[in-house]
Amino acid sequence: MSNSRDLLALFNIVRSFRELEKAPHKDFSMTNVLLILHVAYNPGATMADAAKAAGVSIQSIQRRVEALGGYGLVEVVRDPHETRRFLIFLTTEGVRVVQEVLSHLHPNEVIEFSTMTAAGSGP
């Protein structure tokens, strides 16, 4: 998999998020898109995992999770095994938005991105 194909797939995903016409949540910055997609492919991701995947600080991810939670796209649940840790999940609306975005992409772009994310390397 080449870096240029990875970047093109990521660019098209971000563009698709931003083109959502009915979305009341227009703050689809690159970091927010990376966060949403990381959680989509890794349900129950920790704040630390999400921060690493997006390349930002935990404090930044916490602010972004709060904002995306306000839009109804993600929810945070306390980890039952480690009460100091919080896990991030997509809401039903978050799943719908991700599915809508991915439906507009070429299947190869979806495969490229899911392969990058599943490998734990992040986008």
PDB file of N, CA and C in Angstrom:
ATOM      1  N   MET A   1       0.853  -1.176   0.000  1.00  0.00           N
ATOM      2  CA  MET A   1       0.000   0.000   0.000  1.00  0.00           C
ATOM      3  C   MET A   1       0.897   1.237   0.000  1.00  0.00           C
ATOM      4  N   SER A   2       0.651   2.152  -0.910  1.00  0.00           N
ATOM      5  CA  SER A   2       1.516   3.325  -1.008  1.00  0.00           C
ATOM      6  C   SER A   2       0.987   4.468  -0.165  1.00  0.00           C
ATOM      7  N   ASN A   3       1.898   5.341   0.237  1.00  0.00           N
ATOM      8  CA  ASN A   3       1.490   6.497   1.036  1.00  0.00           C
ATOM      9  C   ASN A   3       0.575   7.419   0.255  1.00  0.00           C
ATOM     10  N   SER A   4       0.806   7.571  -1.051  1.00  0.00           N
ATOM     11  CA  SER A   4      -0.049   8.459  -1.835  1.00  0.00           C
ATOM     12  C   SER A   4      -1.475   7.919  -1.901  1.00  0.00           C
ATOM     13  N   ARG A   5      -1.638   6.605  -2.002  1.00  0.00           N
ATOM     14  CA  ARG A   5      -2.994   6.035  -1.994  1.00  0.00           C
ATOM     15  C   ARG A   5      -3.641   6.201  -0.631  1.00  0.00           C
ATOM     16  N   ASP A   6      -2.852   6.039   0.436  1.00  0.00           N
ATOM     17  CA  ASP A   6      -3.369   6.244   1.790  1.00  0.00           C
ATOM     18  C   ASP A   6      -3.871   7.673   1.953  1.00  0.00           C
ATOM     19  N   LEU A   7      -3.063   8.620   1.507  1.00  0.00           N
ATOM     20  CA  LEU A   7      -3.435  10.033   1.639  1.00  0.00           C
ATOM     21  C   LEU A   7      -4.660  10.361   0.804  1.00  0.00           C
ATOM     22  N   LEU A   8      -4.733   9.815  -0.396  1.00  0.00           N
ATOM     23  CA  LEU A   8      -5.895  10.061  -1.240  1.00  0.00           C
ATOM     24  C   LEU A   8      -7.158   9.494  -0.603  1.00  0.00           C
ATOM     25  N   ALA A   9      -7.065   8.284  -0.059  1.00  0.00           N
ATOM     26  CA  ALA A   9      -8.222   7.689   0.615  1.00  0.00           C
ATOM     27  C   ALA A   9      -8.651   8.552   1.796  1.00  0.00           C
ATOM     28  N   LEU A  10      -7.687   9.004   2.592  1.00  0.00           N
ATOM     29  CA  LEU A  10      -8.005   9.841   3.745  1.00  0.00           C
ATOM     30  C   LEU A  10      -8.606  11.170   3.305  1.00  0.00           C
ATOM     31  N   PHE A  11      -8.039  11.784   2.272  1.00  0.00           N
ATOM     32  CA  PHE A  11      -8.570  13.043   1.751  1.00  0.00           C
ATOM     33  C   PHE A  11     -10.026  12.865   1.319  1.00  0.00           C
ATOM     34  N   ASN A  12     -10.315  11.798   0.602  1.00  0.00           N
ATOM     35  CA  ASN A  12     -11.683  11.565   0.135  1.00  0.00           C
ATOM     36  C   ASN A  12     -12.647  11.311   1.287  1.00  0.00           C
ATOM     37  N   ILE A  13     -12.174  10.661   2.321  1.00  0.00           N
ATOM     38  CA  ILE A  13     -13.017  10.438   3.495  1.00  0.00           C
ATOM     39  C   ILE A  13     -13.337  11.764   4.177  1.00  0.00           C
ATOM     40  N   VAL A  14     -12.320  12.602   4.380  1.00  0.00           N
ATOM     41  CA  VAL A  14     -12.545  13.911   5.011  1.00  0.00           C
ATOM     42  C   VAL A  14     -13.487  14.739   4.152  1.00  0.00           C
ATOM     43  N   ARG A  15     -13.267  14.752   2.844  1.00  0.00           N
ATOM     44  CA  ARG A  15     -14.138  15.506   1.941  1.00  0.00           C
ATOM     45  C   ARG A  15     -15.577  15.012   2.056  1.00  0.00           C
ATOM     46  N   SER A  16     -15.761  13.704   2.128  1.00  0.00           N
ATOM     47  CA  SER A  16     -17.111  13.151   2.236  1.00  0.00           C
ATOM     48  C   SER A  16     -17.788  13.567   3.537  1.00  0.00           C
ATOM     49  N   PHE A  17     -17.042  13.597   4.632  1.00  0.00           N
ATOM     50  CA  PHE A  17     -17.610  14.071   5.898  1.00  0.00           C
ATOM     51  C   PHE A  17     -18.072  15.516   5.751  1.00  0.00           C
ATOM     52  N   ARG A  18     -17.242  16.331   5.138  1.00  0.00           N
ATOM     53  CA  ARG A  18     -17.557  17.758   5.025  1.00  0.00           C
ATOM     54  C   ARG A  18     -18.710  18.029   4.078  1.00  0.00           C
ATOM     55  N   GLU A  19     -18.998  17.092   3.182  1.00  0.00           N
ATOM     56  CA  GLU A  19     -20.078  17.286   2.220  1.00  0.00           C
ATOM     57  C   GLU A  19     -21.435  16.819   2.735  1.00  0.00           C
ATOM     58  N   LEU A  20     -21.473  16.312   3.946  1.00  0.00           N
ATOM     59  CA  LEU A  20     -22.757  15.882   4.500  1.00  0.00           C
ATOM     60  C   LEU A  20     -23.675  17.093   4.612  1.00  0.00           C
ATOM     61  N   GLU A  21     -24.701  17.117   3.818  1.00  0.00           N
ATOM     62  CA  GLU A  21     -25.566  18.294   3.775  1.00  0.00           C
ATOM     63  C   GLU A  21     -26.486  18.401   4.980  1.00  0.00           C
ATOM     64  N   LYS A  22     -26.977  17.280   5.452  1.00  0.00           N
ATOM     65  CA  LYS A  22     -27.976  17.308   6.520  1.00  0.00           C
ATOM     66  C   LYS A  22     -27.355  17.341   7.910  1.00  0.00           C
ATOM     67  N   ALA A  23     -26.045  17.288   7.959  1.00  0.00           N
ATOM     68  CA  ALA A  23     -25.379  17.186   9.260  1.00  0.00           C
ATOM     69  C   ALA A  23     -25.451  18.504  10.018  1.00  0.00           C
ATOM     70  N   PRO A  24     -26.016  18.488  11.223  1.00  0.00           N
ATOM     71  CA  PRO A  24     -26.022  19.702  12.042  1.00  0.00           C
ATOM     72  C   PRO A  24     -24.648  19.947  12.651  1.00  0.00           C
ATOM     73  N   HIS A  25     -23.764  18.998  12.512  1.00  0.00           N
ATOM     74  CA  HIS A  25     -22.427  19.056  13.098  1.00  0.00           C
ATOM     75  C   HIS A  25     -21.428  19.260  11.970  1.00  0.00           C
ATOM     76  N   LYS A  26     -20.975  20.479  11.799  1.00  0.00           N
ATOM     77  CA  LYS A  26     -20.113  20.816  10.669  1.00  0.00           C
ATOM     78  C   LYS A  26     -18.641  20.871  11.039  1.00  0.00           C
ATOM     79  N   ASP A  27     -18.278  20.550  12.261  1.00  0.00           N
ATOM     80  CA  ASP A  27     -16.881  20.649  12.677  1.00  0.00           C
ATOM     81  C   ASP A  27     -16.132  19.368  12.332  1.00  0.00           C
ATOM     82  N   PHE A  28     -15.976  19.116  11.043  1.00  0.00           N
ATOM     83  CA  PHE A  28     -15.270  17.920  10.611  1.00  0.00           C
ATOM     84  C   PHE A  28     -13.846  18.271  10.222  1.00  0.00           C
ATOM     85  N   SER A  29     -13.089  18.706  11.225  1.00  0.00           N
ATOM     86  CA  SER A  29     -11.662  18.933  11.009  1.00  0.00           C
ATOM     87  C   SER A  29     -11.002  17.584  10.781  1.00  0.00           C
ATOM     88  N   MET A  30      -9.793  17.603  10.264  1.00  0.00           N
ATOM     89  CA  MET A  30      -9.061  16.356  10.030  1.00  0.00           C
ATOM     90  C   MET A  30      -8.970  15.541  11.320  1.00  0.00           C
ATOM     91  N   THR A  31      -8.657  16.200  12.431  1.00  0.00           N
ATOM     92  CA  THR A  31      -8.519  15.479  13.699  1.00  0.00           C
ATOM     93  C   THR A  31      -9.843  14.872  14.138  1.00  0.00           C
ATOM     94  N   ASN A  32     -10.935  15.607  13.988  1.00  0.00           N
ATOM     95  CA  ASN A  32     -12.238  15.064  14.372  1.00  0.00           C
ATOM     96  C   ASN A  32     -12.621  13.872  13.498  1.00  0.00           C
ATOM     97  N   VAL A  33     -12.318  13.959  12.212  1.00  0.00           N
ATOM     98  CA  VAL A  33     -12.605  12.842  11.312  1.00  0.00           C
ATOM     99  C   VAL A  33     -11.771  11.630  11.708  1.00  0.00           C
ATOM    100  N   LEU A  34     -10.483  11.850  11.988  1.00  0.00           N
ATOM    101  CA  LEU A  34      -9.623  10.743  12.414  1.00  0.00           C
ATOM    102  C   LEU A  34     -10.141  10.115  13.701  1.00  0.00           C
ATOM    103  N   LEU A  35     -10.600  10.953  14.625  1.00  0.00           N
ATOM    104  CA  LEU A  35     -11.148  10.454  15.886  1.00  0.00           C
ATOM    105  C   LEU A  35     -12.390   9.603  15.643  1.00  0.00           C
ATOM    106  N   ILE A  36     -13.326  10.118  14.864  1.00  0.00           N
ATOM    107  CA  ILE A  36     -14.564   9.384  14.585  1.00  0.00           C
ATOM    108  C   ILE A  36     -14.258   8.046  13.915  1.00  0.00           C
ATOM    109  N   LEU A  37     -13.378   8.074  12.919  1.00  0.00           N
ATOM    110  CA  LEU A  37     -13.062   6.838  12.203  1.00  0.00           C
ATOM    111  C   LEU A  37     -12.280   5.860  13.072  1.00  0.00           C
ATOM    112  N   HIS A  38     -11.405   6.382  13.923  1.00  0.00           N
ATOM    113  CA  HIS A  38     -10.671   5.492  14.827  1.00  0.00           C
ATOM    114  C   HIS A  38     -11.650   4.769  15.752  1.00  0.00           C
ATOM    115  N   VAL A  39     -12.612   5.493  16.273  1.00  0.00           N
ATOM    116  CA  VAL A  39     -13.603   4.882  17.167  1.00  0.00           C
ATOM    117  C   VAL A  39     -14.510   3.927  16.381  1.00  0.00           C
ATOM    118  N   ALA A  40     -14.816   4.261  15.135  1.00  0.00           N
ATOM    119  CA  ALA A  40     -15.646   3.368  14.315  1.00  0.00           C
ATOM    120  C   ALA A  40     -14.964   2.021  14.110  1.00  0.00           C
ATOM    121  N   TYR A  41     -13.664   2.045  13.873  1.00  0.00           N
ATOM    122  CA  TYR A  41     -12.920   0.806  13.628  1.00  0.00           C
ATOM    123  C   TYR A  41     -12.394   0.170  14.912  1.00  0.00           C
ATOM    124  N   ASN A  42     -12.437   0.916  16.013  1.00  0.00           N
ATOM    125  CA  ASN A  42     -11.934   0.424  17.300  1.00  0.00           C
ATOM    126  C   ASN A  42     -12.904   0.802  18.414  1.00  0.00           C
ATOM    127  N   PRO A  43     -14.120   0.233  18.421  1.00  0.00           N
ATOM    128  CA  PRO A  43     -15.096   0.595  19.455  1.00  0.00           C
ATOM    129  C   PRO A  43     -14.521   0.368  20.852  1.00  0.00           C
ATOM    130  N   GLY A  44     -14.764   1.326  21.724  1.00  0.00           N
ATOM    131  CA  GLY A  44     -14.236   1.228  23.081  1.00  0.00           C
ATOM    132  C   GLY A  44     -12.796   1.689  23.182  1.00  0.00           C
ATOM    133  N   ALA A  45     -12.358   2.467  22.202  1.00  0.00           N
ATOM    134  CA  ALA A  45     -10.997   3.010  22.243  1.00  0.00           C
ATOM    135  C   ALA A  45     -10.845   3.902  23.467  1.00  0.00           C
ATOM    136  N   THR A  46      -9.661   3.893  24.045  1.00  0.00           N
ATOM    137  CA  THR A  46      -9.393   4.786  25.175  1.00  0.00           C
ATOM    138  C   THR A  46      -9.031   6.166  24.648  1.00  0.00           C
ATOM    139  N   MET A  47      -9.067   7.147  25.522  1.00  0.00           N
ATOM    140  CA  MET A  47      -8.653   8.496  25.150  1.00  0.00           C
ATOM    141  C   MET A  47      -7.200   8.476  24.659  1.00  0.00           C
ATOM    142  N   ALA A  48      -6.356   7.717  25.353  1.00  0.00           N
ATOM    143  CA  ALA A  48      -4.938   7.644  24.971  1.00  0.00           C
ATOM    144  C   ALA A  48      -4.773   7.019  23.591  1.00  0.00           C
ATOM    145  N   ASP A  49      -5.515   5.951  23.314  1.00  0.00           N
ATOM    146  CA  ASP A  49      -5.452   5.315  21.993  1.00  0.00           C
ATOM    147  C   ASP A  49      -5.891   6.288  20.904  1.00  0.00           C
ATOM    148  N   ALA A  50      -6.983   6.982  21.155  1.00  0.00           N
ATOM    149  CA  ALA A  50      -7.514   7.927  20.173  1.00  0.00           C
ATOM    150  C   ALA A  50      -6.546   9.082  19.950  1.00  0.00           C
ATOM    151  N   ALA A  51      -5.932   9.565  21.024  1.00  0.00           N
ATOM    152  CA  ALA A  51      -4.961  10.660  20.899  1.00  0.00           C
ATOM    153  C   ALA A  51      -3.771  10.221  20.058  1.00  0.00           C
ATOM    154  N   LYS A  52      -3.289   9.026  20.306  1.00  0.00           N
ATOM    155  CA  LYS A  52      -2.147   8.512  19.540  1.00  0.00           C
ATOM    156  C   LYS A  52      -2.518   8.361  18.066  1.00  0.00           C
ATOM    157  N   ALA A  53      -3.692   7.811  17.791  1.00  0.00           N
ATOM    158  CA  ALA A  53      -4.127   7.604  16.409  1.00  0.00           C
ATOM    159  C   ALA A  53      -4.289   8.921  15.659  1.00  0.00           C
ATOM    160  N   ALA A  54      -4.766   9.951  16.362  1.00  0.00           N
ATOM    161  CA  ALA A  54      -4.989  11.250  15.725  1.00  0.00           C
ATOM    162  C   ALA A  54      -3.752  12.141  15.764  1.00  0.00           C
ATOM    163  N   GLY A  55      -2.756  11.750  16.549  1.00  0.00           N
ATOM    164  CA  GLY A  55      -1.528  12.536  16.618  1.00  0.00           C
ATOM    165  C   GLY A  55      -1.667  13.817  17.410  1.00  0.00           C
ATOM    166  N   VAL A  56      -2.509  13.791  18.439  1.00  0.00           N
ATOM    167  CA  VAL A  56      -2.706  14.976  19.282  1.00  0.00           C
ATOM    168  C   VAL A  56      -2.624  14.568  20.752  1.00  0.00           C
ATOM    169  N   SER A  57      -2.675  15.556  21.634  1.00  0.00           N
ATOM    170  CA  SER A  57      -2.598  15.283  23.070  1.00  0.00           C
ATOM    171  C   SER A  57      -3.914  14.698  23.586  1.00  0.00           C
ATOM    172  N   ILE A  58      -3.828  14.071  24.735  1.00  0.00           N
ATOM    173  CA  ILE A  58      -5.037  13.535  25.370  1.00  0.00           C
ATOM    174  C   ILE A  58      -6.002  14.674  25.695  1.00  0.00           C
ATOM    175  N   GLN A  59      -5.472  15.813  26.125  1.00  0.00           N
ATOM    176  CA  GLN A  59      -6.336  16.957  26.435  1.00  0.00           C
ATOM    177  C   GLN A  59      -7.105  17.409  25.191  1.00  0.00           C
ATOM    178  N   SER A  60      -6.442  17.407  24.045  1.00  0.00           N
ATOM    179  CA  SER A  60      -7.113  17.783  22.800  1.00  0.00           C
ATOM    180  C   SER A  60      -8.212  16.780  22.459  1.00  0.00           C
ATOM    181  N   ILE A  61      -7.911  15.505  22.608  1.00  0.00           N
ATOM    182  CA  ILE A  61      -8.918  14.474  22.327  1.00  0.00           C
ATOM    183  C   ILE A  61     -10.099  14.619  23.277  1.00  0.00           C
ATOM    184  N   GLN A  62      -9.831  14.905  24.544  1.00  0.00           N
ATOM    185  CA  GLN A  62     -10.930  15.071  25.503  1.00  0.00           C
ATOM    186  C   GLN A  62     -11.864  16.193  25.067  1.00  0.00           C
ATOM    187  N   ARG A  63     -11.299  17.307  24.607  1.00  0.00           N
ATOM    188  CA  ARG A  63     -12.131  18.429  24.136  1.00  0.00           C
ATOM    189  C   ARG A  63     -12.925  18.029  22.893  1.00  0.00           C
ATOM    190  N   ARG A  64     -12.275  17.322  22.002  1.00  0.00           N
ATOM    191  CA  ARG A  64     -12.940  16.913  20.761  1.00  0.00           C
ATOM    192  C   ARG A  64     -14.035  15.880  21.032  1.00  0.00           C
ATOM    193  N   VAL A  65     -13.770  14.955  21.936  1.00  0.00           N
ATOM    194  CA  VAL A  65     -14.780  13.959  22.309  1.00  0.00           C
ATOM    195  C   VAL A  65     -15.982  14.665  22.931  1.00  0.00           C
ATOM    196  N   GLU A  66     -15.728  15.650  23.767  1.00  0.00           N
ATOM    197  CA  GLU A  66     -16.824  16.409  24.378  1.00  0.00           C
ATOM    198  C   GLU A  66     -17.657  17.105  23.304  1.00  0.00           C
ATOM    199  N   ALA A  67     -16.995  17.735  22.333  1.00  0.00           N
ATOM    200  CA  ALA A  67     -17.714  18.421  21.256  1.00  0.00           C
ATOM    201  C   ALA A  67     -18.497  17.429  20.398  1.00  0.00           C
ATOM    202  N   LEU A  68     -17.857  16.334  20.006  1.00  0.00           N
ATOM    203  CA  LEU A  68     -18.545  15.336  19.186  1.00  0.00           C
ATOM    204  C   LEU A  68     -19.667  14.661  19.964  1.00  0.00           C
ATOM    205  N   GLY A  69     -19.505  14.541  21.275  1.00  0.00           N
ATOM    206  CA  GLY A  69     -20.581  14.033  22.117  1.00  0.00           C
ATOM    207  C   GLY A  69     -21.759  14.989  22.117  1.00  0.00           C
ATOM    208  N   GLY A  70     -21.468  16.281  22.135  1.00  0.00           N
ATOM    209  CA  GLY A  70     -22.523  17.288  22.063  1.00  0.00           C
ATOM    210  C   GLY A  70     -23.297  17.232  20.759  1.00  0.00           C
ATOM    211  N   TYR A  71     -22.633  16.780  19.690  1.00  0.00           N
ATOM    212  CA  TYR A  71     -23.296  16.609  18.394  1.00  0.00           C
ATOM    213  C   TYR A  71     -24.035  15.276  18.315  1.00  0.00           C
ATOM    214  N   GLY A  72     -23.886  14.455  19.350  1.00  0.00           N
ATOM    215  CA  GLY A  72     -24.556  13.165  19.365  1.00  0.00           C
ATOM    216  C   GLY A  72     -23.861  12.089  18.552  1.00  0.00           C
ATOM    217  N   LEU A  73     -22.560  12.257  18.286  1.00  0.00           N
ATOM    218  CA  LEU A  73     -21.838  11.292  17.455  1.00  0.00           C
ATOM    219  C   LEU A  73     -21.067  10.250  18.257  1.00  0.00           C
ATOM    220  N   VAL A  74     -20.600  10.626  19.447  1.00  0.00           N
ATOM    221  CA  VAL A  74     -19.847   9.689  20.288  1.00  0.00           C
ATOM    222  C   VAL A  74     -20.373   9.758  21.713  1.00  0.00           C
ATOM    223  N   GLU A  75     -20.088   8.695  22.451  1.00  0.00           N
ATOM    224  CA  GLU A  75     -20.405   8.680  23.876  1.00  0.00           C
ATOM    225  C   GLU A  75     -19.215   8.094  24.614  1.00  0.00           C
ATOM    226  N   VAL A  76     -19.073   8.495  25.859  1.00  0.00           N
ATOM    227  CA  VAL A  76     -17.956   8.051  26.683  1.00  0.00           C
ATOM    228  C   VAL A  76     -18.515   7.240  27.844  1.00  0.00           C
ATOM    229  N   VAL A  77     -17.873   6.102  28.092  1.00  0.00           N
ATOM    230  CA  VAL A  77     -18.294   5.199  29.160  1.00  0.00           C
ATOM    231  C   VAL A  77     -17.077   4.900  30.028  1.00  0.00           C
ATOM    232  N   ARG A  78     -17.278   4.908  31.332  1.00  0.00           N
ATOM    233  CA  ARG A  78     -16.180   4.560  32.245  1.00  0.00           C
ATOM    234  C   ARG A  78     -15.838   3.081  32.065  1.00  0.00           C
ATOM    235  N   ASP A  79     -14.555   2.786  31.972  1.00  0.00           N
ATOM    236  CA  ASP A  79     -14.087   1.405  31.821  1.00  0.00           C
ATOM    237  C   ASP A  79     -14.417   0.637  33.101  1.00  0.00           C
ATOM    238  N   PRO A  80     -15.193  -0.445  33.004  1.00  0.00           N
ATOM    239  CA  PRO A  80     -15.565  -1.187  34.217  1.00  0.00           C
ATOM    240  C   PRO A  80     -14.375  -1.887  34.879  1.00  0.00           C
ATOM    241  N   HIS A  81     -13.291  -2.082  34.144  1.00  0.00           N
ATOM    242  CA  HIS A  81     -12.120  -2.772  34.690  1.00  0.00           C
ATOM    243  C   HIS A  81     -11.064  -1.814  35.223  1.00  0.00           C
ATOM    244  N   GLU A  82     -11.097  -0.578  34.766  1.00  0.00           N
ATOM    245  CA  GLU A  82     -10.125   0.438  35.193  1.00  0.00           C
ATOM    246  C   GLU A  82     -10.887   1.755  35.300  1.00  0.00           C
ATOM    247  N   THR A  83     -11.379   2.071  36.495  1.00  0.00           N
ATOM    248  CA  THR A  83     -12.318   3.187  36.666  1.00  0.00           C
ATOM    249  C   THR A  83     -11.728   4.556  36.359  1.00  0.00           C
ATOM    250  N   ARG A  84     -10.407   4.662  36.244  1.00  0.00           N
ATOM    251  CA  ARG A  84      -9.809   5.950  35.871  1.00  0.00           C
ATOM    252  C   ARG A  84      -9.805   6.159  34.355  1.00  0.00           C
ATOM    253  N   ARG A  85     -10.125   5.108  33.624  1.00  0.00           N
ATOM    254  CA  ARG A  85     -10.052   5.165  32.162  1.00  0.00           C
ATOM    255  C   ARG A  85     -11.463   5.259  31.578  1.00  0.00           C
ATOM    256  N   PHE A  86     -11.568   6.001  30.473  1.00  0.00           N
ATOM    257  CA  PHE A  86     -12.842   6.151  29.776  1.00  0.00           C
ATOM    258  C   PHE A  86     -12.729   5.572  28.374  1.00  0.00           C
ATOM    259  N   LEU A  87     -13.810   4.959  27.921  1.00  0.00           N
ATOM    260  CA  LEU A  87     -13.861   4.328  26.608  1.00  0.00           C
ATOM    261  C   LEU A  87     -14.803   5.117  25.704  1.00  0.00           C
ATOM    262  N   ILE A  88     -14.442   5.223  24.440  1.00  0.00           N
ATOM    263  CA  ILE A  88     -15.213   6.015  23.479  1.00  0.00           C
ATOM    264  C   ILE A  88     -15.924   5.073  22.511  1.00  0.00           C
ATOM    265  N   PHE A  89     -17.209   5.341  22.306  1.00  0.00           N
ATOM    266  CA  PHE A  89     -18.017   4.563  21.366  1.00  0.00           C
ATOM    267  C   PHE A  89     -18.784   5.519  20.460  1.00  0.00           C
ATOM    268  N   LEU A  90     -19.098   5.075  19.254  1.00  0.00           N
ATOM    269  CA  LEU A  90     -20.001   5.833  18.402  1.00  0.00           C
ATOM    270  C   LEU A  90     -21.422   5.639  18.904  1.00  0.00           C
ATOM    271  N   THR A  91     -22.221   6.666  18.789  1.00  0.00           N
ATOM    272  CA  THR A  91     -23.652   6.549  19.056  1.00  0.00           C
ATOM    273  C   THR A  91     -24.315   5.994  17.790  1.00  0.00           C
ATOM    274  N   THR A  92     -25.595   5.765  17.857  1.00  0.00           N
ATOM    275  CA  THR A  92     -26.336   5.329  16.672  1.00  0.00           C
ATOM    276  C   THR A  92     -26.188   6.359  15.556  1.00  0.00           C
ATOM    277  N   GLU A  93     -26.263   7.637  15.905  1.00  0.00           N
ATOM    278  CA  GLU A  93     -26.090   8.701  14.908  1.00  0.00           C
ATOM    279  C   GLU A  93     -24.665   8.697  14.359  1.00  0.00           C
ATOM    280  N   GLY A  94     -23.690   8.464  15.206  1.00  0.00           N
ATOM    281  CA  GLY A  94     -22.304   8.391  14.749  1.00  0.00           C
ATOM    282  C   GLY A  94     -22.097   7.260  13.761  1.00  0.00           C
ATOM    283  N   VAL A  95     -22.689   6.115  14.039  1.00  0.00           N
ATOM    284  CA  VAL A  95     -22.605   4.972  13.116  1.00  0.00           C
ATOM    285  C   VAL A  95     -23.259   5.330  11.788  1.00  0.00           C
ATOM    286  N   ARG A  96     -24.417   5.983  11.855  1.00  0.00           N
ATOM    287  CA  ARG A  96     -25.123   6.369  10.627  1.00  0.00           C
ATOM    288  C   ARG A  96     -24.273   7.304   9.782  1.00  0.00           C
ATOM    289  N   VAL A  97     -23.660   8.299  10.423  1.00  0.00           N
ATOM    290  CA  VAL A  97     -22.828   9.264   9.702  1.00  0.00           C
ATOM    291  C   VAL A  97     -21.641   8.562   9.040  1.00  0.00           C
ATOM    292  N   VAL A  98     -20.966   7.693   9.777  1.00  0.00           N
ATOM    293  CA  VAL A  98     -19.816   6.975   9.212  1.00  0.00           C
ATOM    294  C   VAL A  98     -20.268   6.108   8.040  1.00  0.00           C
ATOM    295  N   GLN A  99     -21.377   5.404   8.189  1.00  0.00           N
ATOM    296  CA  GLN A  99     -21.873   4.561   7.098  1.00  0.00           C
ATOM    297  C   GLN A  99     -22.213   5.392   5.871  1.00  0.00           C
ATOM    298  N   GLU A 100     -22.815   6.554   6.090  1.00  0.00           N
ATOM    299  CA  GLU A 100     -23.156   7.425   4.964  1.00  0.00           C
ATOM    300  C   GLU A 100     -21.897   7.891   4.248  1.00  0.00           C
ATOM    301  N   VAL A 101     -20.904   8.300   5.003  1.00  0.00           N
ATOM    302  CA  VAL A 101     -19.649   8.759   4.397  1.00  0.00           C
ATOM    303  C   VAL A 101     -18.991   7.633   3.610  1.00  0.00           C
ATOM    304  N   LEU A 102     -18.877   6.471   4.222  1.00  0.00           N
ATOM    305  CA  LEU A 102     -18.200   5.356   3.559  1.00  0.00           C
ATOM    306  C   LEU A 102     -18.955   4.882   2.324  1.00  0.00           C
ATOM    307  N   SER A 103     -20.271   5.075   2.302  1.00  0.00           N
ATOM    308  CA  SER A 103     -21.054   4.646   1.139  1.00  0.00           C
ATOM    309  C   SER A 103     -20.743   5.477  -0.098  1.00  0.00           C
ATOM    310  N   HIS A 104     -20.162   6.660   0.072  1.00  0.00           N
ATOM    311  CA  HIS A 104     -19.830   7.534  -1.055  1.00  0.00           C
ATOM    312  C   HIS A 104     -18.426   7.295  -1.586  1.00  0.00           C
ATOM    313  N   LEU A 105     -17.691   6.411  -0.960  1.00  0.00           N
ATOM    314  CA  LEU A 105     -16.305   6.176  -1.356  1.00  0.00           C
ATOM    315  C   LEU A 105     -16.183   4.957  -2.256  1.00  0.00           C
ATOM    316  N   HIS A 106     -15.115   4.931  -2.995  1.00  0.00           N
ATOM    317  CA  HIS A 106     -14.790   3.751  -3.798  1.00  0.00           C
ATOM    318  C   HIS A 106     -14.420   2.630  -2.828  1.00  0.00           C
ATOM    319  N   PRO A 107     -14.857   1.405  -3.087  1.00  0.00           N
ATOM    320  CA  PRO A 107     -14.547   0.300  -2.162  1.00  0.00           C
ATOM    321  C   PRO A 107     -13.056   0.156  -1.849  1.00  0.00           C
ATOM    322  N   ASN A 108     -12.204   0.427  -2.815  1.00  0.00           N
ATOM    323  CA  ASN A 108     -10.762   0.330  -2.554  1.00  0.00           C
ATOM    324  C   ASN A 108     -10.305   1.340  -1.506  1.00  0.00           C
ATOM    325  N   GLU A 109     -10.924   2.529  -1.494  1.00  0.00           N
ATOM    326  CA  GLU A 109     -10.557   3.537  -0.494  1.00  0.00           C
ATOM    327  C   GLU A 109     -10.963   3.080   0.901  1.00  0.00           C
ATOM    328  N   VAL A 110     -12.127   2.458   1.002  1.00  0.00           N
ATOM    329  CA  VAL A 110     -12.587   1.957   2.298  1.00  0.00           C
ATOM    330  C   VAL A 110     -11.655   0.846   2.776  1.00  0.00           C
ATOM    331  N   ILE A 111     -11.282  -0.044   1.871  1.00  0.00           N
ATOM    332  CA  ILE A 111     -10.374  -1.139   2.229  1.00  0.00           C
ATOM    333  C   ILE A 111      -9.025  -0.589   2.658  1.00  0.00           C
ATOM    334  N   GLU A 112      -8.490   0.385   1.909  1.00  0.00           N
ATOM    335  CA  GLU A 112      -7.193   0.977   2.253  1.00  0.00           C
ATOM    336  C   GLU A 112      -7.238   1.566   3.660  1.00  0.00           C
ATOM    337  N   PHE A 113      -8.281   2.330   3.943  1.00  0.00           N
ATOM    338  CA  PHE A 113      -8.351   2.985   5.245  1.00  0.00           C
ATOM    339  C   PHE A 113      -8.553   1.966   6.357  1.00  0.00           C
ATOM    340  N   SER A 114      -9.430   0.994   6.140  1.00  0.00           N
ATOM    341  CA  SER A 114      -9.675   0.008   7.195  1.00  0.00           C
ATOM    342  C   SER A 114      -8.433  -0.826   7.457  1.00  0.00           C
ATOM    343  N   THR A 115      -7.633  -1.080   6.430  1.00  0.00           N
ATOM    344  CA  THR A 115      -6.384  -1.819   6.612  1.00  0.00           C
ATOM    345  C   THR A 115      -5.400  -1.007   7.443  1.00  0.00           C
ATOM    346  N   MET A 116      -5.289   0.290   7.151  1.00  0.00           N
ATOM    347  CA  MET A 116      -4.395   1.155   7.934  1.00  0.00           C
ATOM    348  C   MET A 116      -4.829   1.179   9.385  1.00  0.00           C
ATOM    349  N   THR A 117      -6.121   1.330   9.624  1.00  0.00           N
ATOM    350  CA  THR A 117      -6.636   1.461  10.979  1.00  0.00           C
ATOM    351  C   THR A 117      -6.556   0.146  11.734  1.00  0.00           C
ATOM    352  N   ALA A 118      -6.880  -0.952  11.074  1.00  0.00           N
ATOM    353  CA  ALA A 118      -6.846  -2.262  11.731  1.00  0.00           C
ATOM    354  C   ALA A 118      -5.428  -2.652  12.115  1.00  0.00           C
ATOM    355  N   ALA A 119      -4.457  -2.178  11.361  1.00  0.00           N
ATOM    356  CA  ALA A 119      -3.059  -2.505  11.652  1.00  0.00           C
ATOM    357  C   ALA A 119      -2.561  -1.768  12.879  1.00  0.00           C
ATOM    358  N   GLY A 120      -3.386  -0.861  13.400  1.00  0.00           N
ATOM    359  CA  GLY A 120      -2.998  -0.116  14.592  1.00  0.00           C
ATOM    360  C   GLY A 120      -2.085   1.048  14.298  1.00  0.00           C
ATOM    361  N   SER A 121      -1.827   1.267  13.012  1.00  0.00           N
ATOM    362  CA  SER A 121      -0.931   2.362  12.656  1.00  0.00           C
ATOM    363  C   SER A 121      -1.657   3.682  12.603  1.00  0.00           C
ATOM    364  N   GLY A 122      -2.974   3.633  12.602  1.00  0.00           N
ATOM    365  CA  GLY A 122      -3.752   4.849  12.492  1.00  0.00           C
ATOM    366  C   GLY A 122      -3.683   5.363  11.083  1.00  0.00           C
ATOM    367  N   PRO A 123      -4.477   6.375  10.765  1.00  0.00           N
ATOM    368  CA  PRO A 123      -4.502   6.923   9.424  1.00  0.00           C
ATOM    369  C   PRO A 123      -3.226   7.657   9.099  1.00  0.00           C
TER     370      PRO A 123
END
